[in-house]
Every structure is written in C-alpha cells, then in structure tokens.
Protein backbone atom coordinates (compact mmCIF):
# COMPACT_ATOMS: atom_id res chain seq x y z
CA MET A 1 -38.59 -17.45 -17.73
CA ASN A 2 -36.61 -19.72 -20.11
CA LEU A 3 -33.07 -18.77 -21.13
CA LYS A 4 -32.22 -21.48 -23.66
CA GLU A 5 -31.05 -18.87 -26.12
CA ASP A 6 -28.53 -17.51 -23.61
CA LEU A 7 -26.97 -20.94 -23.10
CA LYS A 8 -25.80 -21.66 -26.67
CA HIS A 9 -22.37 -22.87 -25.73
CA PRO A 10 -22.25 -26.64 -26.15
CA VAL A 11 -20.66 -27.13 -22.77
CA PHE A 12 -24.03 -26.34 -21.04
CA ARG A 13 -25.77 -29.26 -22.77
CA VAL A 14 -22.85 -31.56 -22.05
CA ILE A 15 -23.00 -30.75 -18.28
CA GLY A 16 -26.78 -31.12 -18.28
CA ARG A 17 -26.65 -34.62 -19.94
CA ILE A 18 -23.91 -35.84 -17.55
CA ALA A 19 -25.90 -34.65 -14.53
CA ASP A 20 -29.01 -36.39 -15.90
CA SER A 21 -26.99 -39.63 -16.29
CA MET A 22 -25.95 -39.30 -12.61
CA ASP A 23 -29.54 -38.49 -11.63
CA ARG A 24 -28.34 -35.12 -10.36
CA GLU A 25 -29.80 -31.58 -10.46
CA VAL A 26 -27.34 -29.06 -11.87
CA TYR A 27 -27.59 -25.26 -12.24
CA VAL A 28 -25.56 -22.30 -13.52
CA VAL A 29 -25.46 -19.84 -10.69
CA GLY A 30 -24.11 -16.52 -9.50
CA GLY A 31 -22.22 -13.90 -11.52
CA TYR A 32 -22.58 -15.61 -14.91
CA VAL A 33 -26.39 -15.62 -14.56
CA ARG A 34 -26.40 -11.97 -13.44
CA ASP A 35 -24.14 -10.93 -16.30
CA ILE A 36 -26.48 -12.53 -18.91
CA PHE A 37 -29.04 -9.88 -17.96
CA LEU A 38 -26.46 -7.13 -17.80
CA GLY A 39 -25.20 -8.03 -21.32
CA ARG A 40 -21.68 -8.67 -19.97
CA LYS A 41 -19.57 -11.53 -21.20
CA SER A 42 -17.74 -13.80 -18.76
CA GLN A 43 -15.33 -16.72 -19.12
CA ASP A 44 -15.85 -17.87 -15.50
CA ILE A 45 -18.94 -20.01 -14.94
CA ASP A 46 -20.10 -21.42 -11.58
CA PHE A 47 -22.17 -24.64 -11.38
CA VAL A 48 -24.08 -26.01 -8.31
CA THR A 49 -25.21 -29.58 -8.17
CA VAL A 50 -27.21 -31.32 -5.52
CA GLY A 51 -24.54 -33.87 -4.52
CA SER A 52 -20.77 -33.85 -4.95
CA GLY A 53 -19.49 -31.06 -7.16
CA ILE A 54 -16.12 -32.84 -7.37
CA GLU A 55 -17.69 -35.99 -8.76
CA LEU A 56 -19.61 -34.06 -11.37
CA ALA A 57 -16.49 -32.05 -12.36
CA GLY A 58 -14.53 -35.25 -12.85
CA ALA A 59 -17.24 -36.73 -15.11
CA VAL A 60 -17.45 -33.53 -17.12
CA ALA A 61 -13.64 -33.40 -17.59
CA ARG A 62 -13.63 -36.99 -18.84
CA ALA A 63 -16.44 -36.22 -21.28
CA LEU A 64 -14.68 -33.15 -22.64
CA GLY A 65 -11.53 -35.16 -23.56
CA PRO A 66 -8.56 -36.86 -21.93
CA ARG A 67 -6.41 -33.76 -21.85
CA THR A 68 -9.02 -31.49 -20.21
CA PRO A 69 -7.44 -29.88 -17.13
CA LEU A 70 -9.16 -30.74 -13.82
CA SER A 71 -8.22 -29.16 -10.46
CA VAL A 72 -9.75 -30.49 -7.29
CA PHE A 73 -9.90 -28.49 -4.01
CA ALA A 74 -11.07 -31.19 -1.62
CA THR A 75 -10.86 -28.95 1.48
CA TYR A 76 -13.49 -26.62 -0.04
CA GLY A 77 -15.47 -29.35 -1.83
CA THR A 78 -14.94 -27.62 -5.14
CA ALA A 79 -13.32 -28.47 -8.52
CA GLN A 80 -12.39 -26.50 -11.64
CA VAL A 81 -12.41 -27.66 -15.24
CA LYS A 82 -10.77 -25.56 -17.96
CA HIS A 83 -12.23 -25.94 -21.45
CA LYS A 84 -11.51 -23.74 -24.57
CA GLY A 85 -10.94 -20.51 -22.60
CA LEU A 86 -13.64 -21.18 -20.10
CA GLU A 87 -13.12 -21.76 -16.37
CA LEU A 88 -15.90 -24.03 -15.00
CA GLU A 89 -16.22 -24.13 -11.25
CA PHE A 90 -18.26 -26.97 -9.63
CA VAL A 91 -19.56 -27.17 -6.12
CA GLY A 92 -22.19 -29.18 -4.29
CA ALA A 93 -25.24 -27.32 -2.93
CA ARG A 94 -24.67 -26.51 0.71
CA LYS A 95 -25.99 -24.73 3.71
CA GLU A 96 -23.81 -22.81 6.15
CA SER A 97 -23.90 -21.71 9.71
CA TYR A 98 -21.38 -19.34 11.45
CA ARG A 99 -19.76 -18.68 14.80
CA ARG A 100 -19.61 -14.99 15.59
CA GLU A 101 -15.84 -14.90 16.18
CA SER A 102 -15.03 -16.41 12.79
CA ARG A 103 -16.01 -15.95 9.17
CA ASN A 104 -15.28 -19.65 8.47
CA PRO A 105 -18.63 -21.39 8.16
CA ILE A 106 -19.77 -24.79 9.31
CA VAL A 107 -20.78 -26.38 5.95
CA GLU A 108 -23.34 -29.17 5.38
CA ASP A 109 -24.81 -30.66 2.22
CA GLY A 110 -27.97 -28.94 1.15
CA THR A 111 -30.55 -28.23 -1.49
CA LEU A 112 -30.52 -25.57 -4.21
CA ALA A 113 -32.80 -23.43 -1.92
CA ASP A 114 -30.17 -23.77 0.89
CA ASP A 115 -27.45 -22.75 -1.53
CA GLN A 116 -29.38 -19.71 -2.74
CA ASN A 117 -30.17 -18.70 0.84
CA ARG A 118 -26.46 -18.37 1.58
CA ARG A 119 -25.67 -16.14 -1.39
CA ASP A 120 -24.63 -12.55 -0.75
CA PHE A 121 -27.10 -10.57 -2.84
CA THR A 122 -30.30 -11.21 -4.70
CA ILE A 123 -28.70 -10.43 -8.04
CA ASN A 124 -26.11 -13.18 -7.35
CA ALA A 125 -28.68 -15.69 -6.07
CA MET A 126 -30.34 -16.55 -9.39
CA ALA A 127 -29.80 -19.95 -10.99
CA ILE A 128 -30.58 -21.58 -14.36
CA ARG A 129 -31.32 -25.24 -14.50
CA LEU A 130 -29.40 -27.35 -17.08
CA ASN A 131 -31.21 -30.73 -16.72
CA GLU A 132 -32.99 -31.64 -19.99
CA SER A 133 -36.52 -31.71 -18.54
CA ARG A 134 -36.21 -28.02 -17.38
CA TYR A 135 -33.29 -26.77 -19.48
CA GLY A 136 -32.88 -22.96 -19.36
CA GLU A 137 -35.42 -22.46 -16.53
CA LEU A 138 -34.65 -19.45 -14.27
CA VAL A 139 -34.88 -20.04 -10.45
CA ASP A 140 -35.13 -16.61 -8.82
CA PRO A 141 -36.64 -16.93 -5.34
CA PHE A 142 -35.58 -13.51 -4.08
CA GLY A 143 -36.45 -11.22 -6.97
CA GLY A 144 -32.95 -10.77 -8.23
CA LEU A 145 -34.16 -10.04 -11.74
CA ALA A 146 -36.37 -7.25 -10.45
CA ASP A 147 -33.47 -5.82 -8.46
CA LEU A 148 -31.33 -5.81 -11.57
CA ALA A 149 -34.00 -3.80 -13.36
CA ARG A 150 -34.12 -1.38 -10.43
CA ASN A 151 -30.28 -1.24 -10.08
CA ILE A 152 -30.47 -2.37 -6.51
CA ILE A 153 -27.99 -4.22 -4.28
CA ARG A 154 -29.98 -6.19 -1.66
CA THR A 155 -29.39 -9.25 0.51
CA PRO A 156 -31.64 -12.31 0.09
CA LEU A 157 -32.20 -12.77 3.81
CA ASP A 158 -31.86 -10.55 6.89
CA PRO A 159 -28.95 -8.28 6.10
CA ASP A 160 -27.77 -8.20 9.69
CA ILE A 161 -27.33 -11.93 9.61
CA THR A 162 -25.79 -11.90 6.11
CA PHE A 163 -23.14 -9.36 7.07
CA SER A 164 -22.44 -10.65 10.50
CA ASP A 165 -21.96 -14.16 9.16
CA ASP A 166 -19.50 -13.00 6.41
CA PRO A 167 -18.44 -9.38 6.94
CA LEU A 168 -16.55 -9.32 3.55
CA ARG A 169 -20.00 -9.13 1.98
CA MET A 170 -20.19 -5.55 3.14
CA MET A 171 -17.09 -4.71 1.00
CA ARG A 172 -18.65 -6.68 -1.82
CA ALA A 173 -21.82 -4.65 -1.61
CA VAL A 174 -19.85 -1.46 -2.04
CA ARG A 175 -17.75 -3.01 -4.82
CA PHE A 176 -20.79 -4.16 -6.84
CA ALA A 177 -22.44 -0.75 -6.40
CA THR A 178 -19.33 0.91 -7.68
CA GLN A 179 -18.72 -1.46 -10.58
CA LEU A 180 -22.32 -1.61 -11.82
CA GLY A 181 -23.52 1.90 -10.94
CA PHE A 182 -26.17 0.41 -8.62
CA GLU A 183 -27.57 1.71 -5.30
CA ILE A 184 -27.39 -0.24 -2.10
CA TYR A 185 -30.88 -0.83 -0.74
CA PRO A 186 -31.53 1.49 2.28
CA GLU A 187 -32.23 -1.44 4.67
CA THR A 188 -29.12 -3.23 3.38
CA PHE A 189 -26.98 -0.08 3.75
CA GLU A 190 -28.12 0.53 7.30
CA ALA A 191 -27.18 -3.02 8.15
CA ILE A 192 -23.71 -2.40 6.79
CA ARG A 193 -23.42 0.61 9.09
CA ARG A 194 -24.48 -1.44 12.07
CA ASN A 195 -22.07 -4.23 11.35
CA ALA A 196 -19.08 -2.24 10.03
CA ASP A 197 -16.82 -3.12 12.94
CA ARG A 198 -17.21 -6.83 11.97
CA LEU A 199 -14.80 -6.10 9.09
CA LYS A 200 -12.00 -6.39 11.65
CA ILE A 201 -12.15 -10.17 11.52
CA ILE A 202 -11.49 -10.20 7.74
CA THR A 203 -7.88 -10.58 6.52
CA ARG A 204 -6.13 -7.63 4.91
CA GLU A 205 -5.52 -9.68 1.73
CA ARG A 206 -9.25 -10.21 1.19
CA ILE A 207 -10.07 -6.64 1.96
CA ASN A 208 -7.33 -5.50 -0.46
CA ASP A 209 -8.79 -7.74 -3.16
CA GLU A 210 -12.10 -5.81 -2.93
CA LEU A 211 -10.32 -2.45 -2.74
CA GLY A 212 -8.45 -3.28 -5.90
CA LYS A 213 -11.72 -4.06 -7.70
CA ILE A 214 -13.17 -0.74 -6.47
CA MET A 215 -10.03 1.10 -7.63
CA ARG A 216 -10.28 -0.54 -11.10
CA SER A 217 -13.97 0.60 -11.44
CA PRO A 218 -14.98 3.40 -13.84
CA ARG A 219 -15.42 5.86 -10.93
CA PRO A 220 -13.51 4.67 -7.87
CA SER A 221 -14.75 7.70 -5.90
CA VAL A 222 -18.21 6.11 -5.65
CA GLY A 223 -16.72 3.19 -3.70
CA PHE A 224 -14.61 5.24 -1.38
CA LEU A 225 -17.50 7.65 -0.55
CA LEU A 226 -19.71 4.66 0.22
CA LEU A 227 -17.04 3.03 2.34
CA ASP A 228 -16.75 6.28 4.29
CA LYS A 229 -20.52 6.78 4.65
CA ALA A 230 -20.99 3.19 5.81
CA GLY A 231 -18.21 3.40 8.42
CA LEU A 232 -16.07 0.81 6.58
CA LEU A 233 -13.21 3.11 5.52
CA GLN A 234 -11.69 3.18 8.97
CA TYR A 235 -11.12 -0.58 8.65
CA ALA A 236 -10.58 -0.90 4.94
CA PHE A 237 -8.14 1.96 4.28
CA PRO A 238 -7.77 4.33 7.26
CA ALA A 239 -4.77 6.12 5.86
CA VAL A 240 -7.00 8.63 3.91
CA LEU A 241 -9.26 9.54 6.81
CA ASP A 242 -7.09 12.42 8.00
CA LEU A 243 -7.66 14.07 4.63
CA LYS A 244 -11.34 14.67 5.49
CA GLY A 245 -12.73 18.03 6.57
CA VAL A 246 -12.01 21.73 6.26
CA GLU A 247 -10.32 23.94 8.87
CA THR A 248 -11.01 27.66 8.95
CA VAL A 249 -8.84 30.46 10.45
CA ASP A 250 -9.90 34.15 10.16
CA GLY A 251 -12.64 33.11 7.81
CA ILE A 252 -10.23 31.39 5.46
CA GLY A 253 -10.59 27.71 4.76
CA HIS A 254 -8.72 25.18 2.58
CA LYS A 255 -10.35 22.68 0.30
CA ASP A 256 -11.54 19.33 1.60
CA ASN A 257 -8.53 17.26 0.67
CA PHE A 258 -10.46 13.99 0.82
CA LEU A 259 -13.03 15.11 -1.71
CA HIS A 260 -10.25 16.69 -3.86
CA THR A 261 -8.31 13.47 -3.77
CA LEU A 262 -11.32 11.46 -4.98
CA GLN A 263 -11.82 13.91 -7.75
CA VAL A 264 -8.16 13.36 -8.84
CA VAL A 265 -8.65 9.59 -8.69
CA ASP A 266 -11.67 9.82 -11.00
CA HIS A 267 -9.85 12.15 -13.35
CA VAL A 268 -7.02 9.61 -13.64
CA ALA A 269 -9.47 6.71 -14.01
CA ALA A 270 -11.10 8.52 -16.96
CA LYS A 271 -7.69 8.56 -18.72
CA SER A 272 -5.95 5.43 -17.66
CA ASP A 273 -6.65 1.79 -16.74
CA ASN A 274 -3.40 1.71 -14.72
CA GLU A 275 -4.53 0.62 -11.23
CA TRP A 276 -1.25 1.73 -9.57
CA LEU A 277 -1.50 5.19 -11.12
CA ARG A 278 -4.92 5.41 -9.46
CA TRP A 279 -3.39 4.42 -6.12
CA ALA A 280 -0.80 7.20 -6.64
CA ALA A 281 -3.70 9.59 -7.17
CA LEU A 282 -5.33 8.40 -3.91
CA LEU A 283 -2.11 8.95 -2.01
CA HIS A 284 -0.76 12.05 -3.80
CA ASP A 285 -1.76 14.45 -1.01
CA ILE A 286 -1.50 11.94 1.85
CA ALA A 287 0.98 14.22 3.75
CA LYS A 288 -1.14 17.37 3.64
CA PRO A 289 -2.61 16.92 7.10
CA ALA A 290 0.94 16.56 8.52
CA THR A 291 2.27 19.65 6.65
CA LYS A 292 -0.77 21.89 7.00
CA ARG A 293 0.03 25.38 8.38
CA TYR A 294 -1.74 28.71 8.42
CA ASP A 295 0.26 31.78 7.40
CA GLU A 296 -1.39 35.17 7.95
CA ARG A 297 0.18 36.43 4.65
CA LEU A 298 -0.17 33.30 2.47
CA GLY A 299 -3.19 31.57 3.98
CA TRP A 300 -3.09 27.76 4.23
CA THR A 301 0.14 26.10 3.14
CA PHE A 302 1.25 22.45 2.75
CA HIS A 303 4.91 22.92 2.13
CA ASN A 304 6.84 19.78 1.02
CA HIS A 305 3.77 17.52 1.32
CA ASN A 306 4.95 15.79 -1.82
CA PHE A 307 8.31 14.86 -0.37
CA LEU A 308 6.87 13.72 2.98
CA GLY A 309 4.15 11.80 1.13
CA GLU A 310 6.79 9.96 -0.88
CA LYS A 311 8.39 8.84 2.45
CA MET A 312 5.00 7.80 3.88
CA VAL A 313 3.99 5.48 1.06
CA PRO A 314 6.19 2.49 1.98
CA GLY A 315 4.83 2.53 5.54
CA ILE A 316 1.26 2.69 4.35
CA PHE A 317 1.84 -0.19 1.92
CA LYS A 318 3.49 -2.29 4.65
CA LYS A 319 0.75 -1.66 7.17
CA MET A 320 -1.99 -2.39 4.63
CA LYS A 321 -0.12 -5.55 3.37
CA MET A 322 0.01 -4.19 -0.12
CA PRO A 323 2.80 -5.34 -2.37
CA MET A 324 6.25 -4.08 -1.27
CA ASN A 325 7.64 -4.30 -4.81
CA GLU A 326 7.94 -2.18 -7.95
CA HIS A 327 4.29 -1.15 -7.58
CA MET A 328 5.01 0.49 -4.17
CA LYS A 329 8.15 2.18 -5.60
CA TYR A 330 6.19 3.49 -8.56
CA VAL A 331 3.47 4.96 -6.32
CA SER A 332 6.01 6.49 -3.97
CA LYS A 333 7.91 8.03 -6.88
CA LEU A 334 4.83 9.61 -8.45
CA VAL A 335 3.63 10.98 -5.08
CA GLY A 336 7.08 12.60 -4.63
CA LEU A 337 7.07 14.10 -8.16
CA HIS A 338 3.41 15.11 -8.59
CA MET A 339 4.09 18.80 -8.00
CA ARG A 340 7.03 18.93 -10.42
CA PRO A 341 5.22 19.46 -13.77
CA GLN A 342 3.28 22.36 -12.31
CA SER A 343 6.48 23.97 -10.87
CA VAL A 344 8.30 23.55 -14.27
CA ALA A 345 5.34 25.10 -16.07
CA ASP A 346 5.08 27.95 -13.61
CA ALA A 347 8.76 28.68 -14.09
CA GLY A 348 8.30 29.31 -17.71
CA VAL A 349 9.08 25.92 -19.19
CA THR A 350 12.87 26.33 -19.32
CA ASP A 351 14.95 23.69 -21.12
CA SER A 352 16.88 22.89 -17.98
CA GLY A 353 13.71 22.43 -15.98
CA VAL A 354 12.22 20.23 -18.75
CA ARG A 355 15.36 18.11 -18.94
CA ARG A 356 15.39 17.51 -15.14
CA LEU A 357 11.70 16.59 -15.21
CA ILE A 358 12.27 14.08 -18.01
CA THR A 359 15.31 12.66 -16.28
CA ASP A 360 13.70 12.26 -12.85
CA ALA A 361 10.41 10.88 -14.12
CA GLY A 362 12.10 8.52 -16.59
CA ALA A 363 9.79 5.84 -18.04
CA ASP A 364 6.96 7.11 -15.86
CA LEU A 365 6.88 10.60 -17.40
CA ASP A 366 3.55 10.14 -19.22
CA ASP A 367 1.85 8.75 -16.08
CA LEU A 368 3.27 11.70 -14.03
CA MET A 369 1.83 14.11 -16.50
CA THR A 370 -1.59 12.39 -16.34
CA LEU A 371 -1.52 12.60 -12.53
CA ALA A 372 -0.38 16.25 -12.53
CA GLU A 373 -3.18 17.24 -14.98
CA ALA A 374 -5.74 15.29 -13.02
CA ASP A 375 -4.66 17.28 -9.95
CA ILE A 376 -6.24 20.41 -11.42
CA THR A 377 -9.60 20.55 -9.74
CA SER A 378 -10.25 24.27 -9.28
CA LYS A 379 -13.86 25.39 -9.48
CA ASN A 380 -12.59 28.47 -11.42
CA PRO A 381 -12.88 27.60 -15.13
CA ALA A 382 -10.42 30.31 -16.13
CA LYS A 383 -7.76 29.03 -13.71
CA VAL A 384 -8.19 25.44 -15.01
CA ARG A 385 -7.87 26.65 -18.58
CA ARG A 386 -4.69 28.59 -17.77
CA GLN A 387 -3.14 25.62 -16.00
CA LEU A 388 -4.02 23.22 -18.79
CA GLU A 389 -2.60 25.65 -21.38
CA SER A 390 0.69 25.82 -19.43
CA PHE A 391 0.81 22.03 -19.27
CA GLY A 392 0.19 21.98 -23.03
CA ARG A 393 3.27 24.19 -23.54
CA LEU A 394 5.25 21.89 -21.31
CA ARG A 395 4.25 18.81 -23.23
CA ARG A 396 5.15 20.46 -26.54
CA ARG A 397 8.54 21.49 -25.20
CA MET A 398 9.18 17.90 -23.97
CA ASP A 399 8.49 16.65 -27.42
CA GLU A 400 10.75 19.26 -29.00
CA ILE A 401 13.89 18.61 -26.87
CA SER A 402 15.99 16.40 -29.10
CA ASP A 403 17.44 14.20 -26.40
CA ALA A 404 14.13 13.63 -24.61
CA ASP A 405 13.98 9.91 -25.33
CA ALA A 406 17.53 9.35 -24.10
CA LEU A 407 16.88 11.37 -20.96
CA ARG A 408 13.95 9.14 -20.02
CA ASN A 409 16.54 6.34 -19.56
CA TRP A 410 19.03 8.68 -17.86
CA LYS A 411 22.43 7.29 -17.05
CA ASN A 412 25.33 9.58 -16.31
CA PRO A 413 27.67 9.40 -19.30
CA VAL A 414 30.74 9.70 -16.97
CA ASN A 415 31.36 6.59 -14.92
CA GLY A 416 32.42 6.71 -11.30
CA ASN A 417 35.20 4.23 -11.79
CA GLU A 418 36.53 6.36 -14.67
CA ILE A 419 36.66 9.37 -12.36
CA MET A 420 38.39 7.50 -9.49
CA GLU A 421 40.98 6.06 -11.81
CA HIS A 422 41.83 9.34 -13.61
CA PHE A 423 41.85 11.61 -10.52
CA HIS A 424 43.22 8.93 -8.06
CA LEU A 425 40.26 9.37 -5.76
CA PRO A 426 38.71 6.90 -3.35
CA PRO A 427 34.97 6.22 -3.37
CA GLY A 428 33.06 8.93 -1.58
CA GLN A 429 31.49 12.34 -1.62
CA GLN A 430 33.96 13.84 -4.08
CA ILE A 431 32.92 11.36 -6.76
CA ALA A 432 29.27 12.23 -6.13
CA VAL A 433 29.98 15.97 -6.45
CA LEU A 434 31.73 15.47 -9.80
CA LYS A 435 29.01 13.25 -11.20
CA GLU A 436 26.32 15.66 -10.04
CA ALA A 437 28.13 18.59 -11.67
CA VAL A 438 28.20 16.75 -15.02
CA LYS A 439 24.46 16.04 -14.70
CA GLU A 440 23.66 19.68 -13.93
CA ALA A 441 25.76 20.88 -16.96
CA ILE A 442 23.78 18.52 -19.19
CA MET A 443 20.46 19.61 -17.74
CA ASP A 444 21.39 23.26 -18.22
CA GLY A 445 22.22 22.55 -21.82
CA GLU A 446 25.84 23.65 -21.28
CA ILE A 447 27.07 20.39 -22.80
CA PRO A 448 25.31 17.65 -24.88
CA TYR A 449 24.22 14.32 -23.44
CA ASP A 450 27.41 12.66 -24.73
CA HIS A 451 30.36 10.94 -22.98
CA ASP A 452 33.22 12.68 -24.77
CA ALA A 453 31.75 16.11 -24.34
CA ALA A 454 30.97 15.46 -20.71
CA TRP A 455 34.47 14.16 -20.00
CA GLU A 456 36.15 17.07 -21.62
CA TRP A 457 33.97 19.42 -19.59
CA LEU A 458 34.80 17.53 -16.37
CA LEU A 459 38.59 17.73 -17.05
CA ARG A 460 38.33 21.51 -17.36
CA ASN A 461 36.19 22.00 -14.26
CA ALA A 462 37.26 19.25 -11.89
CA PRO A 463 39.99 21.30 -10.09
CA ALA A 464 37.53 24.00 -9.03
CA LEU A 465 34.84 21.49 -8.17
CA LEU A 466 37.18 19.37 -6.03
CA ALA A 467 38.45 22.43 -4.20
CA GLN A 468 34.91 23.11 -2.96
CA ALA A 469 33.99 19.40 -2.30
CA PRO A 470 34.52 17.77 1.08
CA ALA A 471 37.37 15.24 1.04
CA SER A 472 36.56 11.57 0.90
CA HIS A 473 37.79 9.40 3.76
C-alpha cells in the first residue's frame, strides 16, 4: 500500500531527502500512522531511522532554518524538532531486552524490524517509508491495518512477554480500547489478567497519566470496567474497589455503588470536558461504604457520606500522588456539596436555600449542578423526570434571584476588623457569631446584600447576639 497522498506536508519530503543524503532509512511510525487510517489529525509525529536519531534531527533542524528549535535527549537517544506547529520526534531503530525486576530496558541499536517488534500493539507498529525510492510505502508486518479494520487491540509478539517487559502497556491497552472504542483481543486480555500484578513496579505518575487519558475519553466507564475485569484496578486506583457489590438484608438490597458511580461519570462526560469534574463524579460516593447502615424502617442509609467523602478526598489524592493543589480542593468541594442541589429542590426551592447554595458553590455552581443532575440514575423513568423537573425549577429560581451573580463571589459585607473596633472585642468566637448572623440574615432575605443595610441590622441585633455567644479569650 502506498500512502503518498497522506504525506502531503512538505516536511516529510524534506526528512526523506536528508535521510537519503546520509544514506539512512527513515520512517514515520506509531500513532501518526495509526491516526491516518482513523481519520484523526495529529501534530505529533514520530520518526525512526536506522542509525542515530539525534544526528538526523540535527540535520533536519538545520535544513528547516536557523531558528528551528531542536531539543536533544541524549540519555534516551532521542531528539525533538518543532516546526510550524508540528512536534517531530526522532529516534534510532533499536531492540530492547528487560530484567524482570525493572521496566527499564537494555537498549541496543537495531533494524526497523527490531523496532517494530518492541512496539506495544499491532496498530502502533506500522511504519511508512520516506526515502525517495519507496516513498509512502506501508510496512505492516503484524497486520495492524487489519486490526484497525476489526477494531482490535493486540500485541505484535507474545503478550505475556510484551506485558511482563513493560507492564504500563497493560494500562495503555485499556486506554486505547477506551479512547477508540476498540476491543482487546481475548488472548491479549487474558495475558493482562495473568500479568496484572506486574503493574506494581510502575510509578504512580505514569499510571496516573494513563488514568487521566481514560478519564478524558468519551466514556470513561469503559476503561474503569476493563481495569476491574483485568485485575488492574486494585493497583491503578484501589480507592473505588469498596464501592463494588450489593449487600442484602431481609430481602432488601442497595444499588451497586460502583456501577452507579461509573454511570454518573459517563453522564458528566457527556456534558463536560472538565477532567476534574469527572474525578469528582468518580469520588462523589466514595464514603458510602463507610457510612452504610441498614435501618428496619428506612432500609439502607448512607447518612453524611457527602461530608465524610469531602474529608477523604485529600488523603486519596495524596496516596495516589495526584495534584495536591486547586484541583484537589475543587474535587473535595464538589464531593461535599453534591447532595445540596437535591436537598434544596426537595425543600421547595426557597429563596434562602437557593442563596446558600449559590454562596457555598461560588464559581463552581454550574459544575455542581451538572454533577447533581448526573447523579440521577434511577431505573424508574417517572422518578428521573420528577427529579429533573425539580432541578429545572431550581435553575430557574437561581437565575431569577437578583443578587445571584454577586453571591457566587460571596464576601461578607461586614468586616471583622470593623466589628472588633466598634464593639471593642478581641478576635475570637464572638466575631464569628456576629459575621455568621449577618450572613444568615442575607441568606434569609431579611436584609439586602449590602454593607450599609447589613451594618444597620448588626447594630440593632448585636446586643442579643453577643449575650448568647461564648466570650472570646
């Protein structure tokens, strides 16, 4: 098969001519070749040459102009050239061998065949030659093109060797299956199950990179179900394992919270590209196993699982070496608040409840509403319709409240220093009581969200409030 028409960008001819002048073979390889057949555009292009990839990259950079950026990674024998929005990665063909206790290979120079043998999957092992004599010729020794047509993820060589050598490839198999909507070939999948415990030698950072790509896929549930079925989830993200299963007492069971959670993640993914909102969906019920109780009158209960879940998120992020920054705080916040829209809607959408919801959610209100609506997974269509209608009323009332935009960026109009100076009070609990009373009065609509009105209200009510407040020390 000749793919000249798919290599129209001038840079391919330039690289081919330079390789010819150096008497080198050069090929486009990997994901870029795969994506040609999938009709997907990519700005990242990998090239393999028989010889030094760094030397070829340097010659290409010089040919493309004196200001062409060139980055050399001598330790890995690779180099990168950036050109008009493209990232061109160059490496010399190589063969690899592994020690069982490490995923770091022993690397030697090799042929194109050696390089294709070490690739993870057949669909990533195709190459297109750029030398003039065979320009555009597809080299596909393992039937990658046929596997693309069949939507199959399969290893080029013995899958047990492939996955034992580099266990991260098991995560990549699941990730590609999730991203592309492909199936993992049965023999390949069984090898993943046999080698799942090898994932223990892979760093958390590299596992998290694959998890993030699964989470950003159109239907993340596909990936998490495959990870579970393959035995990888206990190593990749064990925090959700306790959600699995249904317990029954007196013939009454609760829903499988693992399957429910994955439904919620998919619902969120259908509405939002926000990766961290999807993580909030994955963790929104994380405390249900710890709070699960059976009540003879009420059935199964999970009281305060939202509040406990909020407290659990930082520990999970720390253990999983996920970012301990604003992303973690965002996920924790949404987990803690995910029940609030439903409770406000169930209470009849009062103005005070709406104001508190807007204030507490702040800039994340829209994301919170997306999560709360995604959490409606009942199999009863009438129940789903009623809940969505009540959420619709809640959304309309949020839009109608005149100070909604200001409330999203809530800041108490009465300053603590102002209170201390006027009432001659030291810092402490009494100040907190007075400020909270002002907030409650605004939330209840008793006074407008305005400094002067709030201050007048506080002057009238402070004596009674201070009489009931504990003294500051």
